[in-house]
Amino acid sequence: MGVEWFGFGYAALVATGGVMGYVKAGSVPSLAAGLLFGSLAGVGAYQMSQDSKNILLSLIASGTLAGVMGYRFYNSGKLMPAGIIAGASLLMLGRLGFKMLQKPHDP
């Protein structure tokens, strides 16, 4: 088992997006949501680093963000931040789906 670098990178992207939303626009909800979902994604990446089939928390975090930010991107058409987070969340969902389809390796 290796470190789930993609998951940790995704978590950092989400948390950084929340912090940037606060810095640029003074948006406390962006800060709270970014840190909450970034933390959930980080814990999910840690869990996947320990057991590659333990993807539930990562799946919930990325699925929720894909839906919410995808909806915001559809309505606003703004690439920053909704489009980027929605796209990254969809990529993470694809990666998790691929992990679910892989055959388990013998230890």
PDB file of N, CA and C in Angstrom:
ATOM      1  N   MET A   1       0.831  -1.186   0.000  1.00  0.00           N
ATOM      2  CA  MET A   1       0.000   0.000   0.000  1.00  0.00           C
ATOM      3  C   MET A   1       0.873   1.246   0.000  1.00  0.00           C
ATOM      4  N   GLY A   2       0.507   2.182  -0.843  1.00  0.00           N
ATOM      5  CA  GLY A   2       1.251   3.423  -0.926  1.00  0.00           C
ATOM      6  C   GLY A   2       0.438   4.593  -0.411  1.00  0.00           C
ATOM      7  N   VAL A   3       1.078   5.713  -0.380  1.00  0.00           N
ATOM      8  CA  VAL A   3       0.406   6.933   0.041  1.00  0.00           C
ATOM      9  C   VAL A   3      -0.525   7.379  -1.080  1.00  0.00           C
ATOM     10  N   GLU A   4      -1.705   7.801  -0.733  1.00  0.00           N
ATOM     11  CA  GLU A   4      -2.713   8.245  -1.697  1.00  0.00           C
ATOM     12  C   GLU A   4      -2.461   9.720  -2.049  1.00  0.00           C
ATOM     13  N   TRP A   5      -1.437   9.959  -2.898  1.00  0.00           N
ATOM     14  CA  TRP A   5      -1.026  11.312  -3.229  1.00  0.00           C
ATOM     15  C   TRP A   5      -2.117  12.102  -3.936  1.00  0.00           C
ATOM     16  N   PHE A   6      -2.859  11.445  -4.819  1.00  0.00           N
ATOM     17  CA  PHE A   6      -3.928  12.150  -5.532  1.00  0.00           C
ATOM     18  C   PHE A   6      -5.001  12.626  -4.559  1.00  0.00           C
ATOM     19  N   GLY A   7      -5.324  11.789  -3.601  1.00  0.00           N
ATOM     20  CA  GLY A   7      -6.328  12.159  -2.601  1.00  0.00           C
ATOM     21  C   GLY A   7      -5.876  13.317  -1.733  1.00  0.00           C
ATOM     22  N   PHE A   8      -4.604  13.294  -1.315  1.00  0.00           N
ATOM     23  CA  PHE A   8      -4.085  14.394  -0.507  1.00  0.00           C
ATOM     24  C   PHE A   8      -3.995  15.684  -1.322  1.00  0.00           C
ATOM     25  N   GLY A   9      -3.638  15.567  -2.589  1.00  0.00           N
ATOM     26  CA  GLY A   9      -3.600  16.741  -3.453  1.00  0.00           C
ATOM     27  C   GLY A   9      -4.980  17.342  -3.655  1.00  0.00           C
ATOM     28  N   TYR A  10      -5.973  16.480  -3.829  1.00  0.00           N
ATOM     29  CA  TYR A  10      -7.356  16.932  -3.977  1.00  0.00           C
ATOM     30  C   TYR A  10      -7.812  17.636  -2.697  1.00  0.00           C
ATOM     31  N   ALA A  11      -7.482  17.057  -1.550  1.00  0.00           N
ATOM     32  CA  ALA A  11      -7.858  17.667  -0.266  1.00  0.00           C
ATOM     33  C   ALA A  11      -7.219  19.046  -0.124  1.00  0.00           C
ATOM     34  N   ALA A  12      -5.957  19.160  -0.511  1.00  0.00           N
ATOM     35  CA  ALA A  12      -5.266  20.451  -0.430  1.00  0.00           C
ATOM     36  C   ALA A  12      -5.895  21.475  -1.372  1.00  0.00           C
ATOM     37  N   LEU A  13      -6.285  21.036  -2.567  1.00  0.00           N
ATOM     38  CA  LEU A  13      -6.929  21.929  -3.527  1.00  0.00           C
ATOM     39  C   LEU A  13      -8.244  22.470  -2.968  1.00  0.00           C
ATOM     40  N   VAL A  14      -9.039  21.596  -2.380  1.00  0.00           N
ATOM     41  CA  VAL A  14     -10.335  22.005  -1.836  1.00  0.00           C
ATOM     42  C   VAL A  14     -10.144  22.981  -0.672  1.00  0.00           C
ATOM     43  N   ALA A  15      -9.237  22.657   0.244  1.00  0.00           N
ATOM     44  CA  ALA A  15      -9.002  23.534   1.390  1.00  0.00           C
ATOM     45  C   ALA A  15      -8.442  24.887   0.935  1.00  0.00           C
ATOM     46  N   THR A  16      -7.525  24.865  -0.020  1.00  0.00           N
ATOM     47  CA  THR A  16      -6.953  26.108  -0.536  1.00  0.00           C
ATOM     48  C   THR A  16      -8.020  26.955  -1.218  1.00  0.00           C
ATOM     49  N   GLY A  17      -8.937  26.315  -1.922  1.00  0.00           N
ATOM     50  CA  GLY A  17     -10.036  27.050  -2.551  1.00  0.00           C
ATOM     51  C   GLY A  17     -10.905  27.757  -1.533  1.00  0.00           C
ATOM     52  N   GLY A  18     -11.161  27.101  -0.408  1.00  0.00           N
ATOM     53  CA  GLY A  18     -11.943  27.741   0.648  1.00  0.00           C
ATOM     54  C   GLY A  18     -11.227  28.939   1.248  1.00  0.00           C
ATOM     55  N   VAL A  19      -9.929  28.788   1.475  1.00  0.00           N
ATOM     56  CA  VAL A  19      -9.136  29.890   2.029  1.00  0.00           C
ATOM     57  C   VAL A  19      -9.085  31.049   1.032  1.00  0.00           C
ATOM     58  N   MET A  20      -8.908  30.754  -0.249  1.00  0.00           N
ATOM     59  CA  MET A  20      -8.866  31.812  -1.258  1.00  0.00           C
ATOM     60  C   MET A  20     -10.201  32.541  -1.366  1.00  0.00           C
ATOM     61  N   GLY A  21     -11.306  31.801  -1.232  1.00  0.00           N
ATOM     62  CA  GLY A  21     -12.617  32.437  -1.241  1.00  0.00           C
ATOM     63  C   GLY A  21     -12.787  33.413  -0.093  1.00  0.00           C
ATOM     64  N   TYR A  22     -12.200  33.056   1.038  1.00  0.00           N
ATOM     65  CA  TYR A  22     -12.266  33.958   2.189  1.00  0.00           C
ATOM     66  C   TYR A  22     -11.369  35.178   1.991  1.00  0.00           C
ATOM     67  N   VAL A  23     -10.161  34.956   1.495  1.00  0.00           N
ATOM     68  CA  VAL A  23      -9.209  36.055   1.318  1.00  0.00           C
ATOM     69  C   VAL A  23      -9.700  37.042   0.264  1.00  0.00           C
ATOM     70  N   LYS A  24     -10.186  36.541  -0.868  1.00  0.00           N
ATOM     71  CA  LYS A  24     -10.590  37.420  -1.963  1.00  0.00           C
ATOM     72  C   LYS A  24     -11.932  38.103  -1.722  1.00  0.00           C
ATOM     73  N   ALA A  25     -12.905  37.350  -1.185  1.00  0.00           N
ATOM     74  CA  ALA A  25     -14.256  37.897  -1.082  1.00  0.00           C
ATOM     75  C   ALA A  25     -14.744  38.039   0.360  1.00  0.00           C
ATOM     76  N   GLY A  26     -13.941  37.614   1.322  1.00  0.00           N
ATOM     77  CA  GLY A  26     -14.378  37.677   2.711  1.00  0.00           C
ATOM     78  C   GLY A  26     -15.488  36.694   3.016  1.00  0.00           C
ATOM     79  N   SER A  27     -15.581  35.620   2.245  1.00  0.00           N
ATOM     80  CA  SER A  27     -16.665  34.657   2.372  1.00  0.00           C
ATOM     81  C   SER A  27     -16.362  33.613   3.453  1.00  0.00           C
ATOM     82  N   VAL A  28     -17.009  33.780   4.594  1.00  0.00           N
ATOM     83  CA  VAL A  28     -16.844  32.814   5.686  1.00  0.00           C
ATOM     84  C   VAL A  28     -17.433  31.454   5.302  1.00  0.00           C
ATOM     85  N   PRO A  29     -18.598  31.392   4.597  1.00  0.00           N
ATOM     86  CA  PRO A  29     -19.095  30.075   4.179  1.00  0.00           C
ATOM     87  C   PRO A  29     -18.115  29.326   3.266  1.00  0.00           C
ATOM     88  N   SER A  30     -17.423  30.046   2.382  1.00  0.00           N
ATOM     89  CA  SER A  30     -16.423  29.399   1.530  1.00  0.00           C
ATOM     90  C   SER A  30     -15.285  28.828   2.368  1.00  0.00           C
ATOM     91  N   LEU A  31     -14.844  29.596   3.350  1.00  0.00           N
ATOM     92  CA  LEU A  31     -13.775  29.131   4.231  1.00  0.00           C
ATOM     93  C   LEU A  31     -14.207  27.891   4.996  1.00  0.00           C
ATOM     94  N   ALA A  32     -15.401  27.936   5.575  1.00  0.00           N
ATOM     95  CA  ALA A  32     -15.893  26.810   6.368  1.00  0.00           C
ATOM     96  C   ALA A  32     -16.078  25.563   5.503  1.00  0.00           C
ATOM     97  N   ALA A  33     -16.707  25.728   4.344  1.00  0.00           N
ATOM     98  CA  ALA A  33     -16.942  24.572   3.461  1.00  0.00           C
ATOM     99  C   ALA A  33     -15.626  24.024   2.919  1.00  0.00           C
ATOM    100  N   GLY A  34     -14.713  24.903   2.533  1.00  0.00           N
ATOM    101  CA  GLY A  34     -13.429  24.459   2.008  1.00  0.00           C
ATOM    102  C   GLY A  34     -12.640  23.675   3.040  1.00  0.00           C
ATOM    103  N   LEU A  35     -12.600  24.197   4.271  1.00  0.00           N
ATOM    104  CA  LEU A  35     -11.857  23.499   5.316  1.00  0.00           C
ATOM    105  C   LEU A  35     -12.545  22.203   5.733  1.00  0.00           C
ATOM    106  N   LEU A  36     -13.887  22.216   5.795  1.00  0.00           N
ATOM    107  CA  LEU A  36     -14.610  21.000   6.155  1.00  0.00           C
ATOM    108  C   LEU A  36     -14.404  19.901   5.112  1.00  0.00           C
ATOM    109  N   PHE A  37     -14.666  20.227   3.855  1.00  0.00           N
ATOM    110  CA  PHE A  37     -14.547  19.206   2.816  1.00  0.00           C
ATOM    111  C   PHE A  37     -13.096  18.852   2.518  1.00  0.00           C
ATOM    112  N   GLY A  38     -12.188  19.820   2.662  1.00  0.00           N
ATOM    113  CA  GLY A  38     -10.770  19.517   2.521  1.00  0.00           C
ATOM    114  C   GLY A  38     -10.312  18.551   3.601  1.00  0.00           C
ATOM    115  N   SER A  39     -10.792  18.770   4.823  1.00  0.00           N
ATOM    116  CA  SER A  39     -10.444  17.863   5.922  1.00  0.00           C
ATOM    117  C   SER A  39     -11.027  16.474   5.704  1.00  0.00           C
ATOM    118  N   LEU A  40     -12.284  16.415   5.278  1.00  0.00           N
ATOM    119  CA  LEU A  40     -12.909  15.113   5.004  1.00  0.00           C
ATOM    120  C   LEU A  40     -12.151  14.373   3.904  1.00  0.00           C
ATOM    121  N   ALA A  41     -11.779  15.089   2.859  1.00  0.00           N
ATOM    122  CA  ALA A  41     -11.026  14.463   1.770  1.00  0.00           C
ATOM    123  C   ALA A  41      -9.648  14.026   2.248  1.00  0.00           C
ATOM    124  N   GLY A  42      -9.035  14.800   3.132  1.00  0.00           N
ATOM    125  CA  GLY A  42      -7.727  14.431   3.678  1.00  0.00           C
ATOM    126  C   GLY A  42      -7.802  13.184   4.533  1.00  0.00           C
ATOM    127  N   VAL A  43      -8.815  13.104   5.382  1.00  0.00           N
ATOM    128  CA  VAL A  43      -8.999  11.899   6.202  1.00  0.00           C
ATOM    129  C   VAL A  43      -9.305  10.707   5.303  1.00  0.00           C
ATOM    130  N   GLY A  44     -10.106  10.931   4.268  1.00  0.00           N
ATOM    131  CA  GLY A  44     -10.396   9.861   3.314  1.00  0.00           C
ATOM    132  C   GLY A  44      -9.148   9.381   2.600  1.00  0.00           C
ATOM    133  N   ALA A  45      -8.268  10.307   2.232  1.00  0.00           N
ATOM    134  CA  ALA A  45      -7.008   9.928   1.583  1.00  0.00           C
ATOM    135  C   ALA A  45      -6.127   9.143   2.548  1.00  0.00           C
ATOM    136  N   TYR A  46      -6.118   9.538   3.813  1.00  0.00           N
ATOM    137  CA  TYR A  46      -5.350   8.799   4.819  1.00  0.00           C
ATOM    138  C   TYR A  46      -5.886   7.375   4.954  1.00  0.00           C
ATOM    139  N   GLN A  47      -7.225   7.265   5.007  1.00  0.00           N
ATOM    140  CA  GLN A  47      -7.834   5.934   5.111  1.00  0.00           C
ATOM    141  C   GLN A  47      -7.491   5.076   3.899  1.00  0.00           C
ATOM    142  N   MET A  48      -7.476   5.680   2.719  1.00  0.00           N
ATOM    143  CA  MET A  48      -7.125   4.934   1.515  1.00  0.00           C
ATOM    144  C   MET A  48      -5.651   4.554   1.507  1.00  0.00           C
ATOM    145  N   SER A  49      -4.811   5.359   2.157  1.00  0.00           N
ATOM    146  CA  SER A  49      -3.397   5.011   2.258  1.00  0.00           C
ATOM    147  C   SER A  49      -3.204   3.783   3.139  1.00  0.00           C
ATOM    148  N   GLN A  50      -4.073   3.629   4.129  1.00  0.00           N
ATOM    149  CA  GLN A  50      -3.983   2.483   5.031  1.00  0.00           C
ATOM    150  C   GLN A  50      -4.595   1.231   4.420  1.00  0.00           C
ATOM    151  N   ASP A  51      -5.717   1.412   3.720  1.00  0.00           N
ATOM    152  CA  ASP A  51      -6.421   0.302   3.071  1.00  0.00           C
ATOM    153  C   ASP A  51      -7.010   0.844   1.769  1.00  0.00           C
ATOM    154  N   SER A  52      -6.482   0.396   0.648  1.00  0.00           N
ATOM    155  CA  SER A  52      -6.872   0.971  -0.646  1.00  0.00           C
ATOM    156  C   SER A  52      -8.342   0.779  -0.990  1.00  0.00           C
ATOM    157  N   LYS A  53      -9.029  -0.117  -0.313  1.00  0.00           N
ATOM    158  CA  LYS A  53     -10.461  -0.320  -0.574  1.00  0.00           C
ATOM    159  C   LYS A  53     -11.360   0.501   0.352  1.00  0.00           C
ATOM    160  N   ASN A  54     -10.779   1.247   1.274  1.00  0.00           N
ATOM    161  CA  ASN A  54     -11.542   2.056   2.210  1.00  0.00           C
ATOM    162  C   ASN A  54     -11.779   3.440   1.589  1.00  0.00           C
ATOM    163  N   ILE A  55     -12.752   3.507   0.689  1.00  0.00           N
ATOM    164  CA  ILE A  55     -12.948   4.720  -0.110  1.00  0.00           C
ATOM    165  C   ILE A  55     -14.220   5.485   0.232  1.00  0.00           C
ATOM    166  N   LEU A  56     -14.987   5.027   1.207  1.00  0.00           N
ATOM    167  CA  LEU A  56     -16.309   5.600   1.453  1.00  0.00           C
ATOM    168  C   LEU A  56     -16.256   7.096   1.761  1.00  0.00           C
ATOM    169  N   LEU A  57     -15.401   7.520   2.664  1.00  0.00           N
ATOM    170  CA  LEU A  57     -15.352   8.936   3.025  1.00  0.00           C
ATOM    171  C   LEU A  57     -14.910   9.801   1.842  1.00  0.00           C
ATOM    172  N   SER A  58     -13.929   9.335   1.096  1.00  0.00           N
ATOM    173  CA  SER A  58     -13.491  10.073  -0.100  1.00  0.00           C
ATOM    174  C   SER A  58     -14.610  10.145  -1.132  1.00  0.00           C
ATOM    175  N   LEU A  59     -15.348   9.073  -1.265  1.00  0.00           N
ATOM    176  CA  LEU A  59     -16.462   9.024  -2.209  1.00  0.00           C
ATOM    177  C   LEU A  59     -17.558  10.012  -1.817  1.00  0.00           C
ATOM    178  N   ILE A  60     -17.866  10.087  -0.531  1.00  0.00           N
ATOM    179  CA  ILE A  60     -18.896  11.016  -0.054  1.00  0.00           C
ATOM    180  C   ILE A  60     -18.453  12.464  -0.269  1.00  0.00           C
ATOM    181  N   ALA A  61     -17.215  12.773   0.123  1.00  0.00           N
ATOM    182  CA  ALA A  61     -16.727  14.153  -0.001  1.00  0.00           C
ATOM    183  C   ALA A  61     -16.659  14.599  -1.462  1.00  0.00           C
ATOM    184  N   SER A  62     -16.047  13.788  -2.313  1.00  0.00           N
ATOM    185  CA  SER A  62     -15.907  14.195  -3.715  1.00  0.00           C
ATOM    186  C   SER A  62     -17.245  14.163  -4.443  1.00  0.00           C
ATOM    187  N   GLY A  63     -18.108  13.231  -4.107  1.00  0.00           N
ATOM    188  CA  GLY A  63     -19.430  13.175  -4.739  1.00  0.00           C
ATOM    189  C   GLY A  63     -20.286  14.379  -4.385  1.00  0.00           C
ATOM    190  N   THR A  64     -20.252  14.756  -3.116  1.00  0.00           N
ATOM    191  CA  THR A  64     -21.011  15.929  -2.677  1.00  0.00           C
ATOM    192  C   THR A  64     -20.490  17.194  -3.354  1.00  0.00           C
ATOM    193  N   LEU A  65     -19.174  17.350  -3.376  1.00  0.00           N
ATOM    194  CA  LEU A  65     -18.607  18.540  -4.020  1.00  0.00           C
ATOM    195  C   LEU A  65     -18.855  18.554  -5.522  1.00  0.00           C
ATOM    196  N   ALA A  66     -18.801  17.402  -6.162  1.00  0.00           N
ATOM    197  CA  ALA A  66     -19.078  17.351  -7.595  1.00  0.00           C
ATOM    198  C   ALA A  66     -20.503  17.822  -7.880  1.00  0.00           C
ATOM    199  N   GLY A  67     -21.438  17.383  -7.062  1.00  0.00           N
ATOM    200  CA  GLY A  67     -22.829  17.784  -7.250  1.00  0.00           C
ATOM    201  C   GLY A  67     -23.063  19.258  -6.971  1.00  0.00           C
ATOM    202  N   VAL A  68     -22.614  19.722  -5.816  1.00  0.00           N
ATOM    203  CA  VAL A  68     -22.853  21.114  -5.418  1.00  0.00           C
ATOM    204  C   VAL A  68     -22.123  22.088  -6.335  1.00  0.00           C
ATOM    205  N   MET A  69     -20.835  21.851  -6.546  1.00  0.00           N
ATOM    206  CA  MET A  69     -20.068  22.784  -7.364  1.00  0.00           C
ATOM    207  C   MET A  69     -20.420  22.647  -8.850  1.00  0.00           C
ATOM    208  N   GLY A  70     -20.796  21.464  -9.282  1.00  0.00           N
ATOM    209  CA  GLY A  70     -21.272  21.292 -10.656  1.00  0.00           C
ATOM    210  C   GLY A  70     -22.544  22.097 -10.899  1.00  0.00           C
ATOM    211  N   TYR A  71     -23.448  22.087  -9.924  1.00  0.00           N
ATOM    212  CA  TYR A  71     -24.681  22.864 -10.006  1.00  0.00           C
ATOM    213  C   TYR A  71     -24.370  24.361 -10.048  1.00  0.00           C
ATOM    214  N   ARG A  72     -23.420  24.797  -9.191  1.00  0.00           N
ATOM    215  CA  ARG A  72     -23.038  26.220  -9.183  1.00  0.00           C
ATOM    216  C   ARG A  72     -22.390  26.621 -10.502  1.00  0.00           C
ATOM    217  N   PHE A  73     -21.557  25.737 -11.053  1.00  0.00           N
ATOM    218  CA  PHE A  73     -20.919  26.038 -12.338  1.00  0.00           C
ATOM    219  C   PHE A  73     -21.960  26.102 -13.454  1.00  0.00           C
ATOM    220  N   TYR A  74     -22.916  25.206 -13.435  1.00  0.00           N
ATOM    221  CA  TYR A  74     -23.973  25.185 -14.451  1.00  0.00           C
ATOM    222  C   TYR A  74     -24.768  26.489 -14.417  1.00  0.00           C
ATOM    223  N   ASN A  75     -25.073  26.974 -13.226  1.00  0.00           N
ATOM    224  CA  ASN A  75     -25.868  28.197 -13.094  1.00  0.00           C
ATOM    225  C   ASN A  75     -25.075  29.471 -13.358  1.00  0.00           C
ATOM    226  N   SER A  76     -23.803  29.499 -12.941  1.00  0.00           N
ATOM    227  CA  SER A  76     -23.032  30.736 -13.054  1.00  0.00           C
ATOM    228  C   SER A  76     -22.130  30.780 -14.286  1.00  0.00           C
ATOM    229  N   GLY A  77     -21.671  29.614 -14.718  1.00  0.00           N
ATOM    230  CA  GLY A  77     -20.737  29.561 -15.834  1.00  0.00           C
ATOM    231  C   GLY A  77     -19.326  30.007 -15.472  1.00  0.00           C
ATOM    232  N   LYS A  78     -19.082  30.254 -14.185  1.00  0.00           N
ATOM    233  CA  LYS A  78     -17.772  30.723 -13.736  1.00  0.00           C
ATOM    234  C   LYS A  78     -16.833  29.542 -13.511  1.00  0.00           C
ATOM    235  N   LEU A  79     -15.680  29.628 -14.146  1.00  0.00           N
ATOM    236  CA  LEU A  79     -14.694  28.564 -14.002  1.00  0.00           C
ATOM    237  C   LEU A  79     -14.071  28.568 -12.611  1.00  0.00           C
ATOM    238  N   MET A  80     -13.871  29.765 -12.055  1.00  0.00           N
ATOM    239  CA  MET A  80     -13.286  29.882 -10.713  1.00  0.00           C
ATOM    240  C   MET A  80     -14.373  30.249  -9.732  1.00  0.00           C
ATOM    241  N   PRO A  81     -14.563  29.559  -8.682  1.00  0.00           N
ATOM    242  CA  PRO A  81     -13.945  28.299  -8.282  1.00  0.00           C
ATOM    243  C   PRO A  81     -14.782  27.083  -8.645  1.00  0.00           C
ATOM    244  N   ALA A  82     -16.058  27.333  -8.997  1.00  0.00           N
ATOM    245  CA  ALA A  82     -16.999  26.219  -9.146  1.00  0.00           C
ATOM    246  C   ALA A  82     -16.570  25.218 -10.207  1.00  0.00           C
ATOM    247  N   GLY A  83     -16.149  25.678 -11.364  1.00  0.00           N
ATOM    248  CA  GLY A  83     -15.790  24.770 -12.448  1.00  0.00           C
ATOM    249  C   GLY A  83     -14.568  23.932 -12.126  1.00  0.00           C
ATOM    250  N   ILE A  84     -13.576  24.550 -11.496  1.00  0.00           N
ATOM    251  CA  ILE A  84     -12.344  23.817 -11.180  1.00  0.00           C
ATOM    252  C   ILE A  84     -12.601  22.768 -10.115  1.00  0.00           C
ATOM    253  N   ILE A  85     -13.334  23.121  -9.065  1.00  0.00           N
ATOM    254  CA  ILE A  85     -13.614  22.150  -7.999  1.00  0.00           C
ATOM    255  C   ILE A  85     -14.536  21.053  -8.520  1.00  0.00           C
ATOM    256  N   ALA A  86     -15.509  21.401  -9.352  1.00  0.00           N
ATOM    257  CA  ALA A  86     -16.384  20.381  -9.928  1.00  0.00           C
ATOM    258  C   ALA A  86     -15.578  19.428 -10.810  1.00  0.00           C
ATOM    259  N   GLY A  87     -14.693  19.966 -11.632  1.00  0.00           N
ATOM    260  CA  GLY A  87     -13.869  19.118 -12.490  1.00  0.00           C
ATOM    261  C   GLY A  87     -12.936  18.222 -11.695  1.00  0.00           C
ATOM    262  N   ALA A  88     -12.281  18.788 -10.679  1.00  0.00           N
ATOM    263  CA  ALA A  88     -11.387  17.989  -9.840  1.00  0.00           C
ATOM    264  C   ALA A  88     -12.167  16.912  -9.094  1.00  0.00           C
ATOM    265  N   SER A  89     -13.375  17.243  -8.662  1.00  0.00           N
ATOM    266  CA  SER A  89     -14.204  16.264  -7.954  1.00  0.00           C
ATOM    267  C   SER A  89     -14.635  15.139  -8.882  1.00  0.00           C
ATOM    268  N   LEU A  90     -14.956  15.477 -10.127  1.00  0.00           N
ATOM    269  CA  LEU A  90     -15.313  14.431 -11.093  1.00  0.00           C
ATOM    270  C   LEU A  90     -14.124  13.524 -11.390  1.00  0.00           C
ATOM    271  N   LEU A  91     -12.939  14.118 -11.499  1.00  0.00           N
ATOM    272  CA  LEU A  91     -11.734  13.298 -11.705  1.00  0.00           C
ATOM    273  C   LEU A  91     -11.497  12.376 -10.508  1.00  0.00           C
ATOM    274  N   MET A  92     -11.713  12.903  -9.307  1.00  0.00           N
ATOM    275  CA  MET A  92     -11.532  12.078  -8.105  1.00  0.00           C
ATOM    276  C   MET A  92     -12.573  10.962  -8.068  1.00  0.00           C
ATOM    277  N   LEU A  93     -13.801  11.262  -8.454  1.00  0.00           N
ATOM    278  CA  LEU A  93     -14.834  10.218  -8.515  1.00  0.00           C
ATOM    279  C   LEU A  93     -14.452   9.137  -9.524  1.00  0.00           C
ATOM    280  N   GLY A  94     -13.898   9.536 -10.662  1.00  0.00           N
ATOM    281  CA  GLY A  94     -13.444   8.559 -11.648  1.00  0.00           C
ATOM    282  C   GLY A  94     -12.336   7.687 -11.106  1.00  0.00           C
ATOM    283  N   ARG A  95     -11.404   8.291 -10.392  1.00  0.00           N
ATOM    284  CA  ARG A  95     -10.313   7.525  -9.786  1.00  0.00           C
ATOM    285  C   ARG A  95     -10.850   6.539  -8.750  1.00  0.00           C
ATOM    286  N   LEU A  96     -11.799   6.982  -7.950  1.00  0.00           N
ATOM    287  CA  LEU A  96     -12.378   6.092  -6.938  1.00  0.00           C
ATOM    288  C   LEU A  96     -13.160   4.952  -7.595  1.00  0.00           C
ATOM    289  N   GLY A  97     -13.874   5.269  -8.673  1.00  0.00           N
ATOM    290  CA  GLY A  97     -14.583   4.219  -9.400  1.00  0.00           C
ATOM    291  C   GLY A  97     -13.627   3.194  -9.974  1.00  0.00           C
ATOM    292  N   PHE A  98     -12.510   3.658 -10.490  1.00  0.00           N
ATOM    293  CA  PHE A  98     -11.489   2.747 -11.009  1.00  0.00           C
ATOM    294  C   PHE A  98     -10.932   1.863  -9.890  1.00  0.00           C
ATOM    295  N   LYS A  99     -10.717   2.445  -8.714  1.00  0.00           N
ATOM    296  CA  LYS A  99     -10.212   1.671  -7.577  1.00  0.00           C
ATOM    297  C   LYS A  99     -11.211   0.593  -7.152  1.00  0.00           C
ATOM    298  N   MET A 100     -12.502   0.909  -7.253  1.00  0.00           N
ATOM    299  CA  MET A 100     -13.521  -0.076  -6.878  1.00  0.00           C
ATOM    300  C   MET A 100     -13.530  -1.254  -7.842  1.00  0.00           C
ATOM    301  N   LEU A 101     -13.178  -1.019  -9.092  1.00  0.00           N
ATOM    302  CA  LEU A 101     -13.206  -2.078 -10.101  1.00  0.00           C
ATOM    303  C   LEU A 101     -11.948  -2.937 -10.126  1.00  0.00           C
ATOM    304  N   GLN A 102     -10.878  -2.463  -9.481  1.00  0.00           N
ATOM    305  CA  GLN A 102      -9.626  -3.230  -9.488  1.00  0.00           C
ATOM    306  C   GLN A 102      -9.770  -4.488  -8.643  1.00  0.00           C
ATOM    307  N   LYS A 103      -9.091  -5.526  -9.092  1.00  0.00           N
ATOM    308  CA  LYS A 103      -9.055  -6.762  -8.326  1.00  0.00           C
ATOM    309  C   LYS A 103      -8.103  -6.582  -7.144  1.00  0.00           C
ATOM    310  N   PRO A 104      -8.445  -7.170  -6.003  1.00  0.00           N
ATOM    311  CA  PRO A 104      -7.542  -7.047  -4.856  1.00  0.00           C
ATOM    312  C   PRO A 104      -6.231  -7.790  -5.110  1.00  0.00           C
ATOM    313  N   HIS A 105      -5.146  -7.233  -4.595  1.00  0.00           N
ATOM    314  CA  HIS A 105      -3.831  -7.856  -4.746  1.00  0.00           C
ATOM    315  C   HIS A 105      -3.575  -8.774  -3.557  1.00  0.00           C
ATOM    316  N   ASP A 106      -2.845  -9.848  -3.807  1.00  0.00           N
ATOM    317  CA  ASP A 106      -2.466 -10.730  -2.707  1.00  0.00           C
ATOM    318  C   ASP A 106      -1.339 -10.074  -1.928  1.00  0.00           C
ATOM    319  N   PRO A 107      -1.408 -10.110  -0.590  1.00  0.00           N
ATOM    320  CA  PRO A 107      -0.356  -9.477   0.215  1.00  0.00           C
ATOM    321  C   PRO A 107       0.943 -10.234   0.148  1.00  0.00           C
TER     322      PRO A 107
END
